[in-house]
């Protein structure tokens, strides 16, 4: 169950950052800006709660390595598909290095 909490917290962390990015993009429209910002805060609260629950059964070293690494991968995908940000060869190599690191951390 700990890994379900962990992966759910990663998803909510990505959504938190997407909400904050949408708030920044919609700076000219205060209603949208604050709506996206509030959504980001709610996702951040859920993210924090789920990560705390995951830490009850997953060692901090492992949970943090997976959490931060997969958040970076998730944000990379969100930036590309949701915000049309550029994907370069160097960035792709970096993502594969991160994924490899996550796999290595999970090995016993």
C-alpha atoms as a PDB file:
ATOM      1  CA  UNK A   1       0.000   0.000   0.000  1.00  0.00           C
ATOM      2  CA  UNK A   2       2.951   2.314   0.633  1.00  0.00           C
ATOM      3  CA  UNK A   3       3.900   2.409  -3.033  1.00  0.00           C
ATOM      4  CA  UNK A   4       0.327   3.267  -4.015  1.00  0.00           C
ATOM      5  CA  UNK A   5       0.557   6.249  -1.667  1.00  0.00           C
ATOM      6  CA  UNK A   6       3.962   7.168  -3.046  1.00  0.00           C
ATOM      7  CA  UNK A   7       2.974   7.051  -6.713  1.00  0.00           C
ATOM      8  CA  UNK A   8      -0.262   8.910  -5.956  1.00  0.00           C
ATOM      9  CA  UNK A   9       1.721  11.612  -4.170  1.00  0.00           C
ATOM     10  CA  UNK A  10       3.967  11.923  -7.224  1.00  0.00           C
ATOM     11  CA  UNK A  11       0.924  12.427  -9.448  1.00  0.00           C
ATOM     12  CA  UNK A  12      -0.431  15.106  -7.104  1.00  0.00           C
ATOM     13  CA  UNK A  13       2.983  16.789  -6.967  1.00  0.00           C
ATOM     14  CA  UNK A  14       3.039  16.996 -10.761  1.00  0.00           C
ATOM     15  CA  UNK A  15      -0.503  18.421 -10.712  1.00  0.00           C
ATOM     16  CA  UNK A  16       0.578  20.953  -8.077  1.00  0.00           C
ATOM     17  CA  UNK A  17       3.324  22.241 -10.348  1.00  0.00           C
ATOM     18  CA  UNK A  18       1.059  22.224 -13.408  1.00  0.00           C
ATOM     19  CA  UNK A  19      -1.468  24.294 -11.449  1.00  0.00           C
ATOM     20  CA  UNK A  20       1.213  26.780 -10.450  1.00  0.00           C
ATOM     21  CA  UNK A  21       2.438  27.019 -14.043  1.00  0.00           C
ATOM     22  CA  UNK A  22      -1.117  27.612 -15.279  1.00  0.00           C
ATOM     23  CA  UNK A  23      -1.494  30.320 -12.614  1.00  0.00           C
ATOM     24  CA  UNK A  24       1.682  32.003 -13.872  1.00  0.00           C
ATOM     25  CA  UNK A  25       0.562  31.796 -17.508  1.00  0.00           C
ATOM     26  CA  UNK A  26      -2.829  33.318 -16.668  1.00  0.00           C
ATOM     27  CA  UNK A  27      -1.413  36.281 -14.780  1.00  0.00           C
ATOM     28  CA  UNK A  28      -3.545  38.713 -16.821  1.00  0.00           C
ATOM     29  CA  UNK A  29      -6.788  37.003 -15.747  1.00  0.00           C
ATOM     30  CA  UNK A  30      -6.993  37.156 -11.927  1.00  0.00           C
ATOM     31  CA  UNK A  31      -9.930  34.737 -11.637  1.00  0.00           C
ATOM     32  CA  UNK A  32      -8.116  32.035 -13.609  1.00  0.00           C
ATOM     33  CA  UNK A  33      -4.795  32.795 -11.945  1.00  0.00           C
ATOM     34  CA  UNK A  34      -6.132  32.387  -8.409  1.00  0.00           C
ATOM     35  CA  UNK A  35      -8.283  29.414  -9.382  1.00  0.00           C
ATOM     36  CA  UNK A  36      -5.295  27.521 -10.763  1.00  0.00           C
ATOM     37  CA  UNK A  37      -3.207  28.602  -7.790  1.00  0.00           C
ATOM     38  CA  UNK A  38      -5.846  27.338  -5.332  1.00  0.00           C
ATOM     39  CA  UNK A  39      -6.057  24.058  -7.250  1.00  0.00           C
ATOM     40  CA  UNK A  40      -2.290  23.730  -7.042  1.00  0.00           C
ATOM     41  CA  UNK A  41      -2.400  24.265  -3.284  1.00  0.00           C
ATOM     42  CA  UNK A  42      -5.073  21.599  -2.849  1.00  0.00           C
ATOM     43  CA  UNK A  43      -3.061  19.120  -4.908  1.00  0.00           C
ATOM     44  CA  UNK A  44      -0.006  20.064  -2.832  1.00  0.00           C
ATOM     45  CA  UNK A  45      -1.861  19.269   0.377  1.00  0.00           C
ATOM     46  CA  UNK A  46      -2.933  15.873  -0.980  1.00  0.00           C
ATOM     47  CA  UNK A  47       0.610  15.244  -2.188  1.00  0.00           C
ATOM     48  CA  UNK A  48       2.054  15.978   1.252  1.00  0.00           C
ATOM     49  CA  UNK A  49      -0.445  13.772   3.052  1.00  0.00           C
ATOM     50  CA  UNK A  50       0.095  10.821   0.701  1.00  0.00           C
ATOM     51  CA  UNK A  51       3.882  11.147   0.855  1.00  0.00           C
ATOM     52  CA  UNK A  52       3.719  11.136   4.646  1.00  0.00           C
ATOM     53  CA  UNK A  53       1.629   7.958   4.552  1.00  0.00           C
ATOM     54  CA  UNK A  54       4.108   6.334   2.159  1.00  0.00           C
ATOM     55  CA  UNK A  55       6.968   7.111   4.557  1.00  0.00           C
ATOM     56  CA  UNK A  56       5.334   4.919   7.182  1.00  0.00           C
ATOM     57  CA  UNK A  57       6.369   1.821   5.226  1.00  0.00           C
ATOM     58  CA  UNK A  58       9.025   2.944   2.708  1.00  0.00           C
ATOM     59  CA  UNK A  59      12.498   4.078   3.871  1.00  0.00           C
ATOM     60  CA  UNK A  60      13.097   7.805   3.386  1.00  0.00           C
ATOM     61  CA  UNK A  61      16.102   7.255   1.074  1.00  0.00           C
ATOM     62  CA  UNK A  62      14.109   5.083  -1.283  1.00  0.00           C
ATOM     63  CA  UNK A  63      10.886   7.084  -1.137  1.00  0.00           C
ATOM     64  CA  UNK A  64      12.645  10.412  -1.715  1.00  0.00           C
ATOM     65  CA  UNK A  65      14.724   9.143  -4.614  1.00  0.00           C
ATOM     66  CA  UNK A  66      11.641   7.744  -6.337  1.00  0.00           C
ATOM     67  CA  UNK A  67       9.497  10.754  -5.464  1.00  0.00           C
ATOM     68  CA  UNK A  68      11.808  13.467  -6.741  1.00  0.00           C
ATOM     69  CA  UNK A  69      13.004  11.549  -9.777  1.00  0.00           C
ATOM     70  CA  UNK A  70       9.580  10.545 -11.015  1.00  0.00           C
ATOM     71  CA  UNK A  71       8.268  14.033 -10.322  1.00  0.00           C
ATOM     72  CA  UNK A  72      10.929  15.344 -12.699  1.00  0.00           C
ATOM     73  CA  UNK A  73       9.899  12.779 -15.322  1.00  0.00           C
ATOM     74  CA  UNK A  74       6.221  13.647 -14.831  1.00  0.00           C
ATOM     75  CA  UNK A  75       6.907  17.361 -15.159  1.00  0.00           C
ATOM     76  CA  UNK A  76       8.981  16.705 -18.274  1.00  0.00           C
ATOM     77  CA  UNK A  77       6.001  14.911 -19.840  1.00  0.00           C
ATOM     78  CA  UNK A  78       3.511  17.550 -18.677  1.00  0.00           C
ATOM     79  CA  UNK A  79       5.698  20.333 -20.046  1.00  0.00           C
ATOM     80  CA  UNK A  80       6.017  18.614 -23.409  1.00  0.00           C
ATOM     81  CA  UNK A  81       2.412  17.490 -23.883  1.00  0.00           C
ATOM     82  CA  UNK A  82       0.602  20.218 -21.954  1.00  0.00           C
ATOM     83  CA  UNK A  83       2.726  23.288 -22.569  1.00  0.00           C
ATOM     84  CA  UNK A  84       4.508  22.427 -25.834  1.00  0.00           C
ATOM     85  CA  UNK A  85       7.950  22.857 -24.316  1.00  0.00           C
ATOM     86  CA  UNK A  86      10.932  21.742 -26.365  1.00  0.00           C
ATOM     87  CA  UNK A  87      12.407  18.254 -26.016  1.00  0.00           C
ATOM     88  CA  UNK A  88      16.077  18.001 -26.861  1.00  0.00           C
ATOM     89  CA  UNK A  89      18.347  14.980 -27.138  1.00  0.00           C
ATOM     90  CA  UNK A  90      20.225  16.026 -24.013  1.00  0.00           C
ATOM     91  CA  UNK A  91      16.981  16.283 -22.037  1.00  0.00           C
ATOM     92  CA  UNK A  92      15.875  12.844 -23.253  1.00  0.00           C
ATOM     93  CA  UNK A  93      19.199  11.345 -22.173  1.00  0.00           C
ATOM     94  CA  UNK A  94      18.756  13.017 -18.784  1.00  0.00           C
ATOM     95  CA  UNK A  95      15.296  11.475 -18.374  1.00  0.00           C
ATOM     96  CA  UNK A  96      16.657   8.008 -19.183  1.00  0.00           C
ATOM     97  CA  UNK A  97      19.447   8.502 -16.633  1.00  0.00           C
ATOM     98  CA  UNK A  98      16.853   9.473 -14.008  1.00  0.00           C
ATOM     99  CA  UNK A  99      14.667   6.449 -14.788  1.00  0.00           C
ATOM    100  CA  UNK A 100      17.725   4.187 -14.604  1.00  0.00           C
ATOM    101  CA  UNK A 101      18.583   5.675 -11.215  1.00  0.00           C
ATOM    102  CA  UNK A 102      15.074   5.040  -9.899  1.00  0.00           C
ATOM    103  CA  UNK A 103      15.308   1.407 -10.977  1.00  0.00           C
ATOM    104  CA  UNK A 104      18.707   1.061  -9.296  1.00  0.00           C
ATOM    105  CA  UNK A 105      17.465   2.585  -6.026  1.00  0.00           C
ATOM    106  CA  UNK A 106      14.604   0.095  -5.880  1.00  0.00           C
ATOM    107  CA  UNK A 107      16.944  -2.892  -6.256  1.00  0.00           C
ATOM    108  CA  UNK A 108      17.943  -4.618  -3.056  1.00  0.00           C
END
